[in-house]
Amino acid sequence: MTKNELIEKVAKKSSLTKRAAADAVNSTFDLIRDSLTRGEKVIITGFGTFLIRKRAARRGRNPQTGQTIQIPGKKLPGFTAGKTIKRLIK
């Protein structure tokens, strides 16, 4: 499902105009993004949790030269599905 398809379905299901549905969807995504940028978890009960995961620094190997290199650590966004979603997908 694309973002446009999501907006269309939200508009139909909630009897909103497409513009109002687009504003609602975009606002939701913006709020989740802003919270993650601040390092906060976003917990949506019955759906799941958006969070920041930290990847530790590690050693790697350059595949062309075989030389060992140091790969720096970084932060990545992650999502963990809630119990309700997991049960529905089984």
C-alpha atoms as a PDB file:
ATOM      1  CA  MET A   1       0.000   0.000   0.000  1.00  0.00           C
ATOM      2  CA  THR A   2       1.374   3.395  -0.962  1.00  0.00           C
ATOM      3  CA  LYS A   3       0.882   6.621   0.933  1.00  0.00           C
ATOM      4  CA  ASN A   4      -1.690   7.814  -1.624  1.00  0.00           C
ATOM      5  CA  GLU A   5      -3.660   4.581  -1.270  1.00  0.00           C
ATOM      6  CA  LEU A   6      -3.576   5.004   2.513  1.00  0.00           C
ATOM      7  CA  ILE A   7      -4.907   8.555   2.186  1.00  0.00           C
ATOM      8  CA  GLU A   8      -7.743   7.384  -0.080  1.00  0.00           C
ATOM      9  CA  LYS A   9      -8.745   4.615   2.329  1.00  0.00           C
ATOM     10  CA  VAL A  10      -8.640   6.970   5.328  1.00  0.00           C
ATOM     11  CA  ALA A  11     -10.833   9.443   3.426  1.00  0.00           C
ATOM     12  CA  LYS A  12     -13.402   6.762   2.573  1.00  0.00           C
ATOM     13  CA  LYS A  13     -13.460   5.095   5.979  1.00  0.00           C
ATOM     14  CA  SER A  14     -13.759   8.318   7.990  1.00  0.00           C
ATOM     15  CA  SER A  15     -15.934  10.281   5.535  1.00  0.00           C
ATOM     16  CA  LEU A  16     -13.301  12.995   5.118  1.00  0.00           C
ATOM     17  CA  THR A  17     -12.250  14.864   2.028  1.00  0.00           C
ATOM     18  CA  LYS A  18      -9.047  13.692   0.416  1.00  0.00           C
ATOM     19  CA  ARG A  19      -7.318  16.899   1.500  1.00  0.00           C
ATOM     20  CA  ALA A  20      -8.378  16.452   5.150  1.00  0.00           C
ATOM     21  CA  ALA A  21      -7.302  12.804   5.084  1.00  0.00           C
ATOM     22  CA  ALA A  22      -3.930  13.775   3.576  1.00  0.00           C
ATOM     23  CA  ASP A  23      -3.447  16.364   6.332  1.00  0.00           C
ATOM     24  CA  ALA A  24      -4.291  13.774   8.996  1.00  0.00           C
ATOM     25  CA  VAL A  25      -1.943  11.127   7.567  1.00  0.00           C
ATOM     26  CA  ASN A  26       0.892  13.602   7.009  1.00  0.00           C
ATOM     27  CA  SER A  27       0.478  15.050  10.506  1.00  0.00           C
ATOM     28  CA  THR A  28       0.613  11.563  12.020  1.00  0.00           C
ATOM     29  CA  PHE A  29       3.807  10.707  10.143  1.00  0.00           C
ATOM     30  CA  ASP A  30       5.353  14.088  11.049  1.00  0.00           C
ATOM     31  CA  LEU A  31       4.602  13.571  14.750  1.00  0.00           C
ATOM     32  CA  ILE A  32       6.122  10.072  14.711  1.00  0.00           C
ATOM     33  CA  ARG A  33       9.204  11.375  12.867  1.00  0.00           C
ATOM     34  CA  ASP A  34       9.638  14.323  15.263  1.00  0.00           C
ATOM     35  CA  SER A  35       9.339  12.085  18.322  1.00  0.00           C
ATOM     36  CA  LEU A  36      11.928   9.649  16.959  1.00  0.00           C
ATOM     37  CA  THR A  37      14.248  12.562  16.144  1.00  0.00           C
ATOM     38  CA  ARG A  38      14.085  13.582  19.818  1.00  0.00           C
ATOM     39  CA  GLY A  39      14.919   9.995  20.810  1.00  0.00           C
ATOM     40  CA  GLU A  40      11.465   9.189  22.171  1.00  0.00           C
ATOM     41  CA  LYS A  41       9.529   5.953  21.695  1.00  0.00           C
ATOM     42  CA  VAL A  42       6.155   6.113  19.976  1.00  0.00           C
ATOM     43  CA  ILE A  43       3.785   3.458  21.322  1.00  0.00           C
ATOM     44  CA  ILE A  44       0.509   2.893  19.490  1.00  0.00           C
ATOM     45  CA  THR A  45      -1.518   0.444  21.541  1.00  0.00           C
ATOM     46  CA  GLY A  46      -2.814  -2.451  19.480  1.00  0.00           C
ATOM     47  CA  PHE A  47      -0.451  -1.654  16.601  1.00  0.00           C
ATOM     48  CA  GLY A  48       3.172  -1.458  17.664  1.00  0.00           C
ATOM     49  CA  THR A  49       6.122   0.595  18.834  1.00  0.00           C
ATOM     50  CA  PHE A  50       8.422   2.858  16.840  1.00  0.00           C
ATOM     51  CA  LEU A  51      11.824   3.320  18.460  1.00  0.00           C
ATOM     52  CA  ILE A  52      15.471   4.192  17.826  1.00  0.00           C
ATOM     53  CA  ARG A  53      17.880   1.262  17.813  1.00  0.00           C
ATOM     54  CA  LYS A  54      21.595   1.735  18.363  1.00  0.00           C
ATOM     55  CA  ARG A  55      24.005  -0.247  16.241  1.00  0.00           C
ATOM     56  CA  ALA A  56      27.396  -0.695  17.933  1.00  0.00           C
ATOM     57  CA  ALA A  57      30.669   0.066  16.204  1.00  0.00           C
ATOM     58  CA  ARG A  58      32.256  -3.023  14.706  1.00  0.00           C
ATOM     59  CA  ARG A  59      35.066  -4.273  12.541  1.00  0.00           C
ATOM     60  CA  GLY A  60      34.414  -5.066   8.921  1.00  0.00           C
ATOM     61  CA  ARG A  61      36.362  -6.086   5.877  1.00  0.00           C
ATOM     62  CA  ASN A  62      36.755  -4.221   2.606  1.00  0.00           C
ATOM     63  CA  PRO A  63      35.681  -6.838   0.044  1.00  0.00           C
ATOM     64  CA  GLN A  64      37.973  -5.439  -2.678  1.00  0.00           C
ATOM     65  CA  THR A  65      41.215  -5.265  -0.702  1.00  0.00           C
ATOM     66  CA  GLY A  66      40.514  -7.598   2.206  1.00  0.00           C
ATOM     67  CA  GLN A  67      41.712  -4.871   4.566  1.00  0.00           C
ATOM     68  CA  THR A  68      40.097  -4.674   8.022  1.00  0.00           C
ATOM     69  CA  ILE A  69      38.192  -1.440   8.596  1.00  0.00           C
ATOM     70  CA  GLN A  70      36.349   0.083  11.542  1.00  0.00           C
ATOM     71  CA  ILE A  71      32.616   0.620  10.891  1.00  0.00           C
ATOM     72  CA  PRO A  72      31.238   3.372  13.153  1.00  0.00           C
ATOM     73  CA  GLY A  73      28.131   2.869  15.281  1.00  0.00           C
ATOM     74  CA  LYS A  74      24.887   4.582  14.344  1.00  0.00           C
ATOM     75  CA  LYS A  75      21.257   4.990  15.276  1.00  0.00           C
ATOM     76  CA  LEU A  76      18.473   3.488  13.170  1.00  0.00           C
ATOM     77  CA  PRO A  77      14.687   3.695  13.348  1.00  0.00           C
ATOM     78  CA  GLY A  78      12.929   0.453  14.186  1.00  0.00           C
ATOM     79  CA  PHE A  79       9.438  -0.931  14.568  1.00  0.00           C
ATOM     80  CA  THR A  80       8.184  -3.728  16.781  1.00  0.00           C
ATOM     81  CA  ALA A  81       4.720  -5.065  16.031  1.00  0.00           C
ATOM     82  CA  GLY A  82       2.258  -5.284  18.908  1.00  0.00           C
ATOM     83  CA  LYS A  83       0.547  -8.462  20.125  1.00  0.00           C
ATOM     84  CA  THR A  84      -2.686  -7.690  18.289  1.00  0.00           C
ATOM     85  CA  ILE A  85      -0.957  -7.357  14.907  1.00  0.00           C
ATOM     86  CA  LYS A  86       1.147 -10.454  15.510  1.00  0.00           C
ATOM     87  CA  ARG A  87      -1.969 -12.503  16.312  1.00  0.00           C
ATOM     88  CA  LEU A  88      -3.790 -11.279  13.192  1.00  0.00           C
ATOM     89  CA  ILE A  89      -0.894 -12.135  10.890  1.00  0.00           C
ATOM     90  CA  LYS A  90      -0.414 -15.717  12.131  1.00  0.00           C
END
